[in-house]
Protein backbone atom coordinates (compact mmCIF):
# COMPACT_ATOMS: atom_id res chain seq x y z
CA MET A 1 -11.58 -1.25 -21.62
CA LEU A 2 -9.20 -3.28 -19.45
CA ARG A 3 -6.37 -0.96 -20.43
CA GLY A 4 -8.47 1.94 -19.18
CA VAL A 5 -9.09 0.15 -15.90
CA MET A 6 -5.35 -0.37 -15.50
CA LEU A 7 -4.64 3.30 -15.98
CA MET A 8 -7.38 4.15 -13.50
CA PHE A 9 -5.65 1.97 -10.91
CA MET A 10 -2.37 3.76 -11.56
CA SER A 11 -4.03 7.14 -11.08
CA LEU A 12 -4.89 6.07 -7.54
CA ALA A 13 -1.58 4.46 -6.66
CA PHE A 14 1.75 3.38 -8.07
CA ALA A 15 3.00 -0.07 -8.89
CA ALA A 16 4.12 -1.50 -5.61
CA CYS A 17 7.85 -1.73 -6.02
CA THR A 18 8.27 0.27 -2.83
CA ASN A 19 11.35 -0.83 -0.92
CA VAL A 20 9.92 -2.92 1.90
CA LYS A 21 13.28 -4.56 2.64
CA ASP A 22 14.28 -1.72 4.93
CA LEU A 23 13.01 -3.24 8.17
CA GLU A 24 16.51 -3.90 9.51
CA LYS A 25 17.51 -0.29 8.92
CA LYS A 26 16.80 2.63 11.21
CA PRO A 27 13.11 3.51 10.74
CA ALA A 28 12.12 6.77 9.08
CA TYR A 29 11.76 9.64 11.53
CA LEU A 30 8.34 9.82 13.23
CA GLY A 31 8.96 12.08 16.21
CA ASN A 32 7.88 10.50 19.50
CA PHE A 33 5.72 7.81 17.89
CA HIS A 34 5.08 4.54 19.69
CA LEU A 35 2.50 2.12 18.31
CA GLY A 36 -0.40 1.54 20.67
CA HIS A 37 -3.42 -0.33 19.35
CA ASN A 38 -3.10 -1.97 15.94
CA VAL A 39 -6.73 -2.39 14.95
CA VAL A 40 -7.54 -3.97 11.59
CA VAL A 41 -11.09 -4.73 10.50
CA ALA A 42 -12.77 -5.70 7.24
CA PRO A 43 -16.53 -5.10 7.59
CA ASN A 44 -17.02 -4.06 3.96
CA LEU A 45 -14.49 -6.39 2.33
CA THR A 46 -15.08 -6.75 -1.42
CA LYS A 47 -13.38 -9.25 -3.69
CA GLY A 48 -12.56 -7.94 -7.15
CA PRO A 49 -13.16 -9.83 -10.41
CA VAL A 50 -11.03 -12.83 -11.39
CA SER A 51 -9.55 -13.17 -7.92
CA ARG A 52 -8.64 -15.90 -5.51
CA GLU A 53 -10.70 -16.03 -2.34
CA ALA A 54 -9.34 -14.72 0.98
CA THR A 55 -11.33 -14.42 4.19
CA LYS A 56 -11.68 -11.34 6.37
CA GLU A 57 -9.65 -13.10 9.04
CA GLU A 58 -6.82 -13.85 6.62
CA TRP A 59 -6.62 -10.22 5.56
CA THR A 60 -6.84 -8.76 9.07
CA ASP A 61 -4.20 -11.18 10.37
CA ALA A 62 -1.83 -10.44 7.47
CA MET A 63 -2.29 -6.69 7.80
CA LYS A 64 -1.78 -6.70 11.57
CA LEU A 65 1.46 -8.62 11.14
CA ALA A 66 2.76 -6.16 8.53
CA ILE A 67 1.89 -3.17 10.75
CA ASP A 68 3.53 -4.74 13.81
CA GLU A 69 6.77 -5.56 12.00
CA ARG A 70 7.11 -2.04 10.56
CA PHE A 71 5.80 0.16 13.37
CA GLY A 72 6.84 -2.00 16.31
CA ARG A 73 10.37 -0.66 15.74
CA TYR A 74 9.47 2.83 16.97
CA GLU A 75 10.42 3.48 20.61
CA GLY A 76 8.85 6.84 21.34
CA THR A 77 7.12 7.47 24.66
CA ARG A 78 3.74 8.69 23.35
CA LEU A 79 1.13 6.21 22.18
CA TYR A 80 -0.58 6.50 18.84
CA HIS A 81 -3.14 4.03 17.51
CA LEU A 82 -3.76 2.93 13.94
CA GLY A 83 -7.21 1.88 12.77
CA ILE A 84 -7.26 0.15 9.38
CA SER A 85 -10.20 -1.06 7.35
CA VAL A 86 -9.47 -3.49 4.52
CA GLU A 87 -11.94 -2.46 1.82
CA GLY A 88 -11.22 -4.53 -1.28
CA TYR A 89 -8.74 -6.81 -2.96
CA VAL A 90 -7.75 -8.74 -6.07
CA LEU A 91 -5.47 -11.77 -5.78
CA ALA A 92 -4.33 -12.88 -9.23
CA ILE A 93 -5.41 -16.42 -10.04
CA PRO A 94 -3.21 -19.13 -11.57
CA GLY A 95 -3.53 -20.36 -15.12
CA ILE A 96 -4.70 -17.15 -16.83
CA PRO A 97 -2.14 -14.56 -17.99
CA LEU A 98 -3.98 -11.31 -17.33
CA VAL A 99 -1.83 -9.25 -19.66
CA ALA A 100 -2.34 -5.47 -19.42
CA ALA A 101 -5.02 -5.92 -16.76
CA PRO A 102 -4.91 -5.00 -13.07
CA LYS A 103 -3.15 -7.70 -11.12
CA SER A 104 -3.11 -8.26 -7.36
CA ALA A 105 -4.34 -5.16 -5.58
CA LEU A 106 -5.46 -3.99 -2.15
CA ILE A 107 -7.44 -0.99 -0.94
CA LEU A 108 -7.37 0.24 2.68
CA LYS A 109 -8.69 3.12 4.75
CA VAL A 110 -6.49 4.33 7.60
CA THR A 111 -7.12 6.50 10.67
CA ALA A 112 -4.47 7.58 13.20
CA TRP A 113 -5.34 8.35 16.82
CA ASP A 114 -3.54 10.34 19.52
CA ASP A 115 -3.91 8.34 22.76
CA GLU A 116 -3.11 11.20 25.12
CA LYS A 117 -5.54 13.62 23.49
CA GLU A 118 -8.09 10.87 22.75
CA THR A 119 -8.69 12.36 19.29
CA LYS A 120 -8.34 11.37 15.66
CA LEU A 121 -5.42 12.93 13.85
CA ASN A 122 -7.29 12.71 10.54
CA GLU A 123 -11.05 13.17 10.57
CA LYS A 124 -11.43 11.67 7.10
CA PRO A 125 -9.84 8.21 6.67
CA GLU A 126 -6.84 8.11 4.34
CA THR A 127 -7.33 5.78 1.37
CA ILE A 128 -4.31 3.67 0.46
CA THR A 129 -4.32 1.69 -2.82
CA ILE A 130 -1.63 -0.87 -3.60
CA VAL A 131 -1.08 -2.55 -6.97
CA GLU A 132 1.48 -5.33 -7.36
CA SER A 133 4.81 -4.71 -9.05
CA ILE A 134 4.81 -4.47 -12.85
CA SER A 135 7.97 -4.75 -14.92
CA GLY A 136 8.52 -2.58 -17.98
CA LYS A 137 9.64 -5.67 -19.89
CA THR A 138 7.06 -8.23 -18.83
CA LEU A 139 3.54 -8.30 -17.48
CA ILE A 140 3.44 -11.83 -16.11
CA SER A 141 0.71 -12.18 -13.52
CA SER A 142 1.80 -13.06 -9.99
CA GLY A 143 -0.98 -15.64 -10.05
CA LEU A 144 1.29 -17.80 -12.19
CA THR A 145 4.29 -17.58 -9.88
CA GLN A 146 3.09 -16.87 -6.34
CA SER A 147 0.79 -18.51 -3.81
CA LYS A 148 -2.14 -16.62 -2.34
CA GLU A 149 -0.25 -16.25 0.94
CA THR A 150 2.79 -14.76 -0.81
CA GLN A 151 0.64 -12.27 -2.70
CA MET A 152 -1.09 -11.22 0.53
CA LYS A 153 2.23 -10.82 2.33
CA ASN A 154 3.63 -8.67 -0.47
CA LEU A 155 0.54 -6.48 -0.63
CA THR A 156 0.28 -5.94 3.14
CA GLN A 157 3.99 -5.21 3.49
CA ASN A 158 3.73 -2.62 0.73
CA ALA A 159 0.62 -1.22 2.41
CA SER A 160 2.42 -0.78 5.73
CA LYS A 161 5.27 1.03 3.95
CA LEU A 162 2.83 3.39 2.21
CA ILE A 163 1.13 4.05 5.56
CA GLN A 164 4.55 4.89 6.99
CA ASN A 165 5.23 7.28 4.10
CA TRP A 166 1.90 9.00 4.75
CA LEU A 167 2.59 9.36 8.48
CA VAL A 168 6.10 10.74 7.82
CA GLU A 169 4.61 13.31 5.44
CA GLN A 170 1.93 14.32 7.98
CA ASN A 171 4.49 14.68 10.75
CA ASN A 172 6.70 16.74 8.47
CA GLN A 173 3.86 19.04 7.46
CA GLU A 174 1.60 19.03 10.53
CA GLY A 175 3.77 17.88 13.45
CA TRP A 176 1.49 14.98 14.34
CA PHE A 177 4.10 13.16 16.43
CA GLU A 178 6.09 16.12 17.74
CA ASP A 179 5.73 16.82 21.48
CA ASP A 180 5.50 20.55 20.83
CA GLY A 181 3.23 20.21 17.78
CA VAL A 182 5.72 22.04 15.56
CA PRO A 183 5.99 20.46 12.07
CA ALA A 184 9.18 18.46 11.67
CA LYS A 185 10.08 20.43 8.52
CA GLU A 186 10.69 23.48 10.72
CA LYS A 187 13.27 21.63 12.80
CA PRO A 188 16.89 20.66 12.09
CA GLN A 189 15.89 17.16 10.96
CA GLY A 190 13.44 18.60 8.45
CA ARG A 191 15.99 18.68 5.62
CA LEU A 192 16.80 14.98 6.10
CA ILE A 193 13.10 14.13 6.07
CA GLU A 194 12.59 16.09 2.87
CA ARG A 195 15.43 14.16 1.23
CA TRP A 196 13.90 10.86 2.39
CA LEU A 197 10.47 11.81 1.05
CA ALA A 198 12.02 12.97 -2.23
CA GLY A 199 13.63 9.57 -2.62
CA GLU A 200 10.29 7.86 -2.05
CA GLU A 201 8.63 10.09 -4.65
CA ALA A 202 11.40 9.37 -7.17
CA GLU A 203 10.90 5.63 -6.65
CA LYS A 204 7.17 6.09 -7.09
CA SER A 205 7.64 8.05 -10.29
CA GLU A 206 9.95 5.45 -11.84
CA ALA A 207 7.54 2.63 -10.98
CA GLN A 208 4.63 4.51 -12.48
CA LYS A 209 6.55 5.24 -15.69
CA ALA A 210 7.49 1.58 -16.05
CA ALA A 211 3.89 0.48 -15.57
CA GLU A 212 2.54 3.03 -18.04
CA THR A 213 5.14 2.05 -20.63
CA ALA A 214 4.30 -1.62 -20.21
CA VAL A 215 0.60 -0.93 -20.69
CA GLU A 216 1.21 1.18 -23.81
CA ASN A 217 3.41 -1.54 -25.33
CA ALA A 218 1.02 -4.38 -24.59
CA ASP A 219 -0.64 -6.31 -27.42
CA PRO A 220 -4.18 -4.87 -27.87
CA SER A 221 -5.51 -8.38 -28.45
CA SER A 222 -4.62 -9.20 -24.85
CA ASP A 223 -7.56 -7.07 -23.71
CA ILE A 224 -9.89 -9.48 -25.44
CA GLU A 225 -8.06 -12.52 -24.04
CA ALA A 226 -8.28 -11.16 -20.50
CA ALA A 227 -11.98 -10.34 -20.89
CA ASP A 228 -12.68 -13.86 -22.21
CA ALA A 229 -10.75 -15.33 -19.29
CA SER A 230 -12.79 -13.28 -16.83
CA GLU A 231 -16.05 -14.53 -18.28
CA ALA A 232 -14.82 -18.11 -18.25
CA VAL A 233 -13.93 -17.98 -14.57
CA GLU A 234 -17.26 -16.43 -13.63
């Protein structure tokens, strides 16, 4: 059953080995984007099973910081606001090797706003799901090697990168952040954006393959061990 849950997680997102160490590089093209309000809330926050505890305030503070450090680099002249709702999380706990089970994870809903037009750019919130990195050779839980704060930092930094990827895609396809509203793909920079997005998709694909391979190669008995561990903690 736990193996099935893991695969379900991977159908929603990819293992979070997104390159978040690109903050000192030139940011990905986002037209005339300039971050206005960075609003993060957690009214419906749900803690997953076998997880460390983290408060709403801890999650909103960590997420705001990750958004500021990634999107504060944009120097456009038009304001756009991001509204983020932290919906659920799992922070792997120490002492129990949750082999072949979902590890640290985070689920968000994101809405982008155009300040000048005073309208939402997406009527339906975009759901972003982040699962911690999984190696094809080992499935050691981050709960054994990382503090709660480190896990939260990693998850929120990956979340901000995935939000950036989503906004780049929307601008490329819909022209969200173009002054004339023309999709970026129809402009000279469109080819460069397509190459950047292709690189992100390739990275995503490789991460997903590694995670799937690791799950397939896991010892079936570990499902029982993880289930027993879950019951013991509860």
